[in-house]
Amino acid sequence: MGLFNRKKEQKTELVKKSARQESPVKVAREKSDKPAVANRKVIKKEFTEAYRLLRRPLVTEKSVNLSSLQNQYSFAVAPEASKNEVKKVIQDLYGVRVLRVNILNTKGKKRRVGRHEGFKPGFKKAIVFLPEGEKIEVISR
């Protein structure tokens, strides 16, 4: 049994103690059958916060392959950006539903000019996962 193949769990809740009962009674109830997440629609909004968090989309050979094959998009984000903020910004700015976001900090590469050594600045990268059928137009032709 995998991590994502869980059976429906039952929630238990405590009922108030009555005068006759010694201990609270546990009553089991099943999760309500709410509509699936895939049915939700995301509306594109005017969101000024997006330009504070998103620096630029990363258009490299690897990121273009990921976007076309696996529906993953890469963005350079602000150092203080969190996963939840990036998810909300992408949903509001592009009007797509985001499944999850991975964030990583890339180190600056070592560079040398003559006898002087230094480092290029690093940056924070967010990889955004979208469901099938949704896409972001990163490159406009």
N, C-alpha and C. Protein backbone atom coordinates (compact mmCIF):
# COMPACT_ATOMS: atom_id res chain seq x y z
N MET A 1 0.85 -1.18 0.00
CA MET A 1 0.00 0.00 0.00
C MET A 1 0.89 1.23 0.00
N GLY A 2 0.72 2.09 -0.99
CA GLY A 2 1.54 3.27 -1.13
C GLY A 2 1.10 4.40 -0.22
N LEU A 3 1.84 5.43 -0.27
CA LEU A 3 1.55 6.59 0.55
C LEU A 3 0.26 7.28 0.13
N PHE A 4 -0.06 7.25 -1.16
CA PHE A 4 -1.21 7.97 -1.66
C PHE A 4 -2.45 7.10 -1.80
N ASN A 5 -2.34 5.81 -1.52
CA ASN A 5 -3.47 4.90 -1.65
C ASN A 5 -4.08 4.60 -0.28
N ARG A 6 -4.49 5.59 0.41
CA ARG A 6 -5.08 5.40 1.73
C ARG A 6 -6.57 5.18 1.61
N LYS A 7 -7.09 4.36 2.51
CA LYS A 7 -8.54 4.16 2.54
C LYS A 7 -9.18 5.36 3.23
N LYS A 8 -10.50 5.47 3.08
CA LYS A 8 -11.20 6.56 3.76
C LYS A 8 -11.04 6.39 5.26
N GLU A 9 -10.60 7.42 5.89
CA GLU A 9 -10.42 7.36 7.33
C GLU A 9 -11.72 7.77 8.00
N GLN A 10 -11.90 7.26 9.18
CA GLN A 10 -13.08 7.64 9.94
C GLN A 10 -12.66 8.62 11.02
N LYS A 11 -13.43 9.66 11.18
CA LYS A 11 -13.16 10.63 12.22
C LYS A 11 -14.00 10.28 13.44
N THR A 12 -13.45 10.51 14.59
CA THR A 12 -14.24 10.29 15.80
C THR A 12 -14.38 11.62 16.50
N GLU A 13 -15.53 11.81 17.06
CA GLU A 13 -15.74 13.04 17.81
C GLU A 13 -16.38 12.70 19.14
N LEU A 14 -16.07 13.51 20.11
CA LEU A 14 -16.58 13.27 21.45
C LEU A 14 -17.94 13.94 21.62
N VAL A 15 -18.83 13.21 22.24
CA VAL A 15 -20.16 13.73 22.54
C VAL A 15 -20.15 14.15 23.99
N LYS A 16 -20.90 15.19 24.33
CA LYS A 16 -20.93 15.71 25.70
C LYS A 16 -21.31 14.63 26.70
N LYS A 17 -20.73 14.70 27.86
CA LYS A 17 -21.05 13.78 28.93
C LYS A 17 -22.45 14.08 29.45
N SER A 18 -23.24 13.06 29.59
CA SER A 18 -24.54 13.28 30.23
C SER A 18 -24.41 12.92 31.70
N ALA A 19 -25.43 13.22 32.45
CA ALA A 19 -25.37 12.98 33.89
C ALA A 19 -25.30 11.48 34.19
N ARG A 20 -25.91 10.65 33.32
CA ARG A 20 -25.94 9.22 33.59
C ARG A 20 -24.65 8.51 33.16
N GLN A 21 -23.95 9.05 32.16
CA GLN A 21 -22.78 8.34 31.64
C GLN A 21 -21.52 8.72 32.39
N GLU A 22 -20.66 7.74 32.55
CA GLU A 22 -19.41 7.94 33.26
C GLU A 22 -18.36 8.61 32.36
N SER A 23 -18.29 8.19 31.09
CA SER A 23 -17.26 8.72 30.19
C SER A 23 -17.90 9.20 28.90
N PRO A 24 -17.21 10.06 28.17
CA PRO A 24 -17.77 10.53 26.90
C PRO A 24 -17.85 9.38 25.90
N VAL A 25 -18.83 9.44 25.02
CA VAL A 25 -19.04 8.40 24.03
C VAL A 25 -18.41 8.84 22.72
N LYS A 26 -17.68 7.94 22.07
CA LYS A 26 -17.08 8.24 20.78
C LYS A 26 -18.05 7.81 19.69
N VAL A 27 -18.33 8.72 18.79
CA VAL A 27 -19.23 8.44 17.69
C VAL A 27 -18.42 8.51 16.41
N ALA A 28 -18.47 7.46 15.60
CA ALA A 28 -17.70 7.43 14.35
C ALA A 28 -18.54 8.00 13.23
N ARG A 29 -17.90 8.79 12.35
CA ARG A 29 -18.57 9.31 11.17
C ARG A 29 -17.58 9.29 10.02
N GLU A 30 -18.08 9.06 8.83
CA GLU A 30 -17.22 9.03 7.66
C GLU A 30 -17.07 10.43 7.10
N LYS A 31 -15.99 10.61 6.32
CA LYS A 31 -15.79 11.91 5.67
C LYS A 31 -16.92 12.17 4.71
N SER A 32 -17.33 13.41 4.62
CA SER A 32 -18.39 13.74 3.68
C SER A 32 -17.85 13.67 2.25
N ASP A 33 -18.71 13.31 1.33
CA ASP A 33 -18.29 13.18 -0.06
C ASP A 33 -18.36 14.55 -0.72
N LYS A 34 -17.30 15.32 -0.56
CA LYS A 34 -17.22 16.64 -1.17
C LYS A 34 -16.75 16.48 -2.61
N PRO A 35 -17.04 17.44 -3.46
CA PRO A 35 -16.55 17.33 -4.84
C PRO A 35 -15.03 17.29 -4.88
N ALA A 36 -14.49 16.58 -5.84
CA ALA A 36 -13.05 16.42 -5.96
C ALA A 36 -12.38 17.76 -6.23
N VAL A 37 -11.10 17.83 -5.89
CA VAL A 37 -10.33 19.06 -6.07
C VAL A 37 -10.23 19.41 -7.55
N ALA A 38 -10.26 18.41 -8.41
CA ALA A 38 -10.11 18.66 -9.84
C ALA A 38 -11.26 19.47 -10.42
N ASN A 39 -12.40 19.47 -9.73
CA ASN A 39 -13.56 20.19 -10.25
C ASN A 39 -13.54 21.68 -9.91
N ARG A 40 -12.65 22.09 -9.03
CA ARG A 40 -12.58 23.50 -8.66
C ARG A 40 -12.05 24.33 -9.82
N LYS A 41 -12.56 25.52 -9.95
CA LYS A 41 -12.11 26.41 -11.01
C LYS A 41 -11.34 27.57 -10.38
N VAL A 42 -10.22 27.90 -10.95
CA VAL A 42 -9.40 29.00 -10.45
C VAL A 42 -9.62 30.19 -11.36
N ILE A 43 -9.87 31.33 -10.75
CA ILE A 43 -10.14 32.54 -11.51
C ILE A 43 -8.90 33.42 -11.52
N LYS A 44 -8.56 33.93 -12.69
CA LYS A 44 -7.42 34.83 -12.83
C LYS A 44 -7.77 36.17 -12.18
N LYS A 45 -6.87 36.70 -11.33
CA LYS A 45 -7.14 37.93 -10.59
C LYS A 45 -6.04 38.94 -10.86
N GLU A 46 -6.34 40.20 -10.58
CA GLU A 46 -5.30 41.22 -10.56
C GLU A 46 -4.59 41.07 -9.24
N PHE A 47 -3.32 40.83 -9.27
CA PHE A 47 -2.60 40.54 -8.04
C PHE A 47 -1.27 41.27 -8.07
N THR A 48 -1.16 42.37 -7.35
CA THR A 48 0.05 43.18 -7.38
C THR A 48 1.18 42.54 -6.57
N GLU A 49 0.85 41.64 -5.66
CA GLU A 49 1.86 40.97 -4.83
C GLU A 49 2.74 40.05 -5.67
N ALA A 50 2.24 39.64 -6.84
CA ALA A 50 2.97 38.69 -7.67
C ALA A 50 4.34 39.21 -8.07
N TYR A 51 4.46 40.47 -8.34
CA TYR A 51 5.73 41.01 -8.82
C TYR A 51 6.71 41.25 -7.69
N ARG A 52 6.24 41.15 -6.45
CA ARG A 52 7.15 41.20 -5.31
C ARG A 52 7.79 39.83 -5.10
N LEU A 53 7.04 38.75 -5.38
CA LEU A 53 7.52 37.40 -5.12
C LEU A 53 8.16 36.74 -6.34
N LEU A 54 7.56 36.89 -7.51
CA LEU A 54 8.09 36.25 -8.71
C LEU A 54 9.10 37.17 -9.39
N ARG A 55 10.30 36.68 -9.59
CA ARG A 55 11.31 37.49 -10.27
C ARG A 55 11.19 37.33 -11.78
N ARG A 56 11.25 36.07 -12.25
CA ARG A 56 11.17 35.79 -13.69
C ARG A 56 10.95 34.30 -13.88
N PRO A 57 10.38 33.90 -15.01
CA PRO A 57 10.33 32.47 -15.31
C PRO A 57 11.71 32.02 -15.79
N LEU A 58 12.10 30.82 -15.42
CA LEU A 58 13.39 30.30 -15.84
C LEU A 58 13.19 29.51 -17.13
N VAL A 59 13.80 30.00 -18.21
CA VAL A 59 13.67 29.35 -19.51
C VAL A 59 15.03 28.79 -19.87
N THR A 60 15.24 27.54 -19.49
CA THR A 60 16.46 26.81 -19.83
C THR A 60 16.03 25.55 -20.58
N GLU A 61 16.99 24.84 -21.11
CA GLU A 61 16.67 23.62 -21.84
C GLU A 61 15.95 22.62 -20.94
N LYS A 62 16.43 22.48 -19.72
CA LYS A 62 15.83 21.53 -18.78
C LYS A 62 14.41 21.95 -18.40
N SER A 63 14.21 23.24 -18.12
CA SER A 63 12.88 23.69 -17.70
C SER A 63 11.86 23.62 -18.83
N VAL A 64 12.30 23.85 -20.07
CA VAL A 64 11.39 23.73 -21.21
C VAL A 64 10.98 22.28 -21.40
N ASN A 65 11.92 21.34 -21.24
CA ASN A 65 11.59 19.92 -21.33
C ASN A 65 10.62 19.51 -20.23
N LEU A 66 10.85 19.98 -19.00
CA LEU A 66 9.95 19.66 -17.89
C LEU A 66 8.55 20.21 -18.14
N SER A 67 8.47 21.41 -18.69
CA SER A 67 7.15 22.01 -18.91
C SER A 67 6.38 21.27 -20.01
N SER A 68 7.07 20.82 -21.04
CA SER A 68 6.37 20.15 -22.13
C SER A 68 6.04 18.70 -21.81
N LEU A 69 6.91 18.01 -21.08
CA LEU A 69 6.71 16.59 -20.81
C LEU A 69 5.96 16.31 -19.51
N GLN A 70 6.28 17.03 -18.45
CA GLN A 70 5.74 16.69 -17.14
C GLN A 70 4.89 17.80 -16.52
N ASN A 71 4.62 18.86 -17.26
CA ASN A 71 3.77 19.96 -16.78
C ASN A 71 4.33 20.61 -15.51
N GLN A 72 5.64 20.85 -15.49
CA GLN A 72 6.31 21.52 -14.38
C GLN A 72 6.95 22.79 -14.91
N TYR A 73 6.79 23.88 -14.17
CA TYR A 73 7.32 25.18 -14.60
C TYR A 73 8.25 25.73 -13.52
N SER A 74 9.34 26.35 -13.95
CA SER A 74 10.35 26.87 -13.01
C SER A 74 10.31 28.39 -13.01
N PHE A 75 10.43 28.96 -11.82
CA PHE A 75 10.45 30.41 -11.64
C PHE A 75 11.53 30.78 -10.66
N ALA A 76 12.20 31.90 -10.89
CA ALA A 76 13.09 32.49 -9.89
C ALA A 76 12.19 33.35 -9.00
N VAL A 77 12.30 33.13 -7.68
CA VAL A 77 11.42 33.83 -6.74
C VAL A 77 12.25 34.61 -5.74
N ALA A 78 11.58 35.45 -4.98
CA ALA A 78 12.25 36.26 -3.95
C ALA A 78 12.76 35.34 -2.85
N PRO A 79 13.85 35.73 -2.17
CA PRO A 79 14.41 34.88 -1.11
C PRO A 79 13.45 34.64 0.05
N GLU A 80 12.50 35.54 0.28
CA GLU A 80 11.59 35.38 1.41
C GLU A 80 10.28 34.67 1.03
N ALA A 81 10.16 34.22 -0.20
CA ALA A 81 8.93 33.58 -0.67
C ALA A 81 8.78 32.18 -0.09
N SER A 82 7.54 31.84 0.29
CA SER A 82 7.26 30.49 0.79
C SER A 82 6.44 29.73 -0.25
N LYS A 83 6.28 28.43 -0.02
CA LYS A 83 5.55 27.60 -0.97
C LYS A 83 4.11 28.06 -1.12
N ASN A 84 3.46 28.34 -0.01
CA ASN A 84 2.05 28.75 -0.06
C ASN A 84 1.88 30.08 -0.80
N GLU A 85 2.78 31.02 -0.57
CA GLU A 85 2.71 32.30 -1.25
C GLU A 85 2.90 32.14 -2.76
N VAL A 86 3.88 31.31 -3.15
CA VAL A 86 4.14 31.08 -4.57
C VAL A 86 2.92 30.42 -5.22
N LYS A 87 2.34 29.45 -4.55
CA LYS A 87 1.16 28.76 -5.09
C LYS A 87 0.02 29.74 -5.32
N LYS A 88 -0.24 30.60 -4.35
CA LYS A 88 -1.33 31.57 -4.46
C LYS A 88 -1.07 32.57 -5.58
N VAL A 89 0.17 33.03 -5.69
CA VAL A 89 0.53 34.02 -6.71
C VAL A 89 0.37 33.44 -8.11
N ILE A 90 0.85 32.21 -8.32
CA ILE A 90 0.75 31.57 -9.64
C ILE A 90 -0.72 31.36 -10.01
N GLN A 91 -1.52 30.91 -9.06
CA GLN A 91 -2.94 30.70 -9.34
C GLN A 91 -3.63 32.00 -9.69
N ASP A 92 -3.32 33.06 -8.98
CA ASP A 92 -3.97 34.35 -9.23
C ASP A 92 -3.47 35.00 -10.52
N LEU A 93 -2.17 34.92 -10.77
CA LEU A 93 -1.58 35.62 -11.91
C LEU A 93 -1.90 34.93 -13.24
N TYR A 94 -1.77 33.60 -13.28
CA TYR A 94 -1.96 32.87 -14.53
C TYR A 94 -3.33 32.21 -14.66
N GLY A 95 -4.11 32.13 -13.58
CA GLY A 95 -5.44 31.53 -13.64
C GLY A 95 -5.41 30.03 -13.84
N VAL A 96 -4.42 29.34 -13.28
CA VAL A 96 -4.32 27.89 -13.37
C VAL A 96 -4.36 27.31 -11.96
N ARG A 97 -4.67 26.01 -11.86
CA ARG A 97 -4.67 25.35 -10.57
C ARG A 97 -3.30 24.73 -10.35
N VAL A 98 -2.74 24.91 -9.18
CA VAL A 98 -1.41 24.40 -8.86
C VAL A 98 -1.56 23.21 -7.92
N LEU A 99 -0.93 22.08 -8.28
CA LEU A 99 -0.98 20.90 -7.42
C LEU A 99 -0.04 21.06 -6.24
N ARG A 100 1.22 21.39 -6.53
CA ARG A 100 2.19 21.57 -5.44
C ARG A 100 3.35 22.41 -5.94
N VAL A 101 4.18 22.83 -5.00
CA VAL A 101 5.33 23.68 -5.31
C VAL A 101 6.55 23.13 -4.57
N ASN A 102 7.65 22.97 -5.28
CA ASN A 102 8.93 22.65 -4.65
C ASN A 102 9.80 23.89 -4.73
N ILE A 103 10.53 24.17 -3.64
CA ILE A 103 11.40 25.34 -3.59
C ILE A 103 12.81 24.89 -3.24
N LEU A 104 13.81 25.47 -3.93
CA LEU A 104 15.19 25.17 -3.61
C LEU A 104 16.04 26.42 -3.76
N ASN A 105 17.07 26.48 -2.95
CA ASN A 105 18.03 27.59 -3.02
C ASN A 105 19.23 27.13 -3.84
N THR A 106 19.55 27.86 -4.89
CA THR A 106 20.72 27.50 -5.69
C THR A 106 21.90 28.36 -5.23
N LYS A 107 23.04 27.73 -5.10
CA LYS A 107 24.24 28.44 -4.69
C LYS A 107 24.83 29.19 -5.88
N GLY A 108 25.54 30.26 -5.59
CA GLY A 108 26.22 30.99 -6.65
C GLY A 108 27.44 30.22 -7.14
N LYS A 109 27.69 30.28 -8.42
CA LYS A 109 28.83 29.55 -8.99
C LYS A 109 30.11 30.37 -8.83
N LYS A 110 31.22 29.66 -8.71
CA LYS A 110 32.53 30.31 -8.57
C LYS A 110 32.97 30.83 -9.93
N ARG A 111 33.40 32.07 -9.99
CA ARG A 111 33.87 32.68 -11.24
C ARG A 111 35.24 33.29 -11.02
N ARG A 112 36.00 33.34 -12.10
CA ARG A 112 37.36 33.87 -12.00
C ARG A 112 37.63 34.77 -13.20
N VAL A 113 38.18 35.94 -12.93
CA VAL A 113 38.60 36.86 -13.98
C VAL A 113 40.08 37.16 -13.71
N GLY A 114 40.94 36.58 -14.54
CA GLY A 114 42.38 36.75 -14.30
C GLY A 114 42.77 36.06 -13.01
N ARG A 115 43.38 36.81 -12.11
CA ARG A 115 43.76 36.21 -10.83
C ARG A 115 42.75 36.47 -9.73
N HIS A 116 41.68 37.17 -10.05
CA HIS A 116 40.65 37.49 -9.05
C HIS A 116 39.52 36.46 -9.11
N GLU A 117 39.16 35.95 -7.93
CA GLU A 117 38.08 34.98 -7.83
C GLU A 117 36.89 35.60 -7.11
N GLY A 118 35.73 35.12 -7.45
CA GLY A 118 34.53 35.59 -6.80
C GLY A 118 33.40 34.60 -7.04
N PHE A 119 32.21 34.98 -6.62
CA PHE A 119 31.04 34.14 -6.78
C PHE A 119 29.92 34.92 -7.43
N LYS A 120 29.19 34.25 -8.31
CA LYS A 120 27.96 34.84 -8.83
C LYS A 120 26.92 34.73 -7.73
N PRO A 121 25.95 35.61 -7.68
CA PRO A 121 24.94 35.50 -6.63
C PRO A 121 24.03 34.30 -6.87
N GLY A 122 23.62 33.66 -5.78
CA GLY A 122 22.67 32.55 -5.87
C GLY A 122 21.26 33.11 -5.91
N PHE A 123 20.28 32.23 -6.07
CA PHE A 123 18.88 32.67 -6.08
C PHE A 123 18.00 31.52 -5.63
N LYS A 124 16.75 31.84 -5.36
CA LYS A 124 15.77 30.86 -4.93
C LYS A 124 14.92 30.47 -6.12
N LYS A 125 14.71 29.16 -6.31
CA LYS A 125 13.97 28.66 -7.46
C LYS A 125 12.73 27.93 -6.97
N ALA A 126 11.61 28.13 -7.66
CA ALA A 126 10.37 27.41 -7.36
C ALA A 126 9.98 26.59 -8.57
N ILE A 127 9.67 25.32 -8.35
CA ILE A 127 9.17 24.44 -9.41
C ILE A 127 7.70 24.20 -9.13
N VAL A 128 6.85 24.60 -10.07
CA VAL A 128 5.40 24.56 -9.89
C VAL A 128 4.85 23.38 -10.69
N PHE A 129 4.05 22.53 -10.04
CA PHE A 129 3.45 21.36 -10.67
C PHE A 129 2.00 21.67 -10.99
N LEU A 130 1.61 21.47 -12.25
CA LEU A 130 0.23 21.70 -12.68
C LEU A 130 -0.42 20.38 -13.07
N PRO A 131 -1.76 20.28 -12.94
CA PRO A 131 -2.44 19.06 -13.39
C PRO A 131 -2.47 18.98 -14.91
N GLU A 132 -2.80 17.79 -15.43
CA GLU A 132 -2.87 17.62 -16.88
C GLU A 132 -3.96 18.51 -17.46
N GLY A 133 -3.69 19.04 -18.62
CA GLY A 133 -4.68 19.88 -19.29
C GLY A 133 -4.50 21.36 -19.03
N GLU A 134 -3.73 21.74 -18.01
CA GLU A 134 -3.50 23.15 -17.72
C GLU A 134 -2.06 23.48 -18.10
N LYS A 135 -1.85 24.69 -18.60
CA LYS A 135 -0.49 25.10 -18.93
C LYS A 135 -0.35 26.60 -18.78
N ILE A 136 0.91 27.03 -18.69
CA ILE A 136 1.25 28.44 -18.56
C ILE A 136 2.03 28.83 -19.81
N GLU A 137 1.64 29.92 -20.43
CA GLU A 137 2.39 30.43 -21.59
C GLU A 137 3.54 31.28 -21.07
N VAL A 138 4.72 30.67 -20.95
CA VAL A 138 5.89 31.38 -20.44
C VAL A 138 6.57 32.12 -21.56
N ILE A 139 6.73 31.47 -22.71
CA ILE A 139 7.38 32.10 -23.86
C ILE A 139 6.31 32.53 -24.83
N SER A 140 6.25 33.82 -25.13
CA SER A 140 5.27 34.28 -26.11
C SER A 140 5.98 34.53 -27.44
N ARG A 141 5.44 34.01 -28.51
CA ARG A 141 6.07 34.16 -29.83
C ARG A 141 5.23 35.02 -30.71
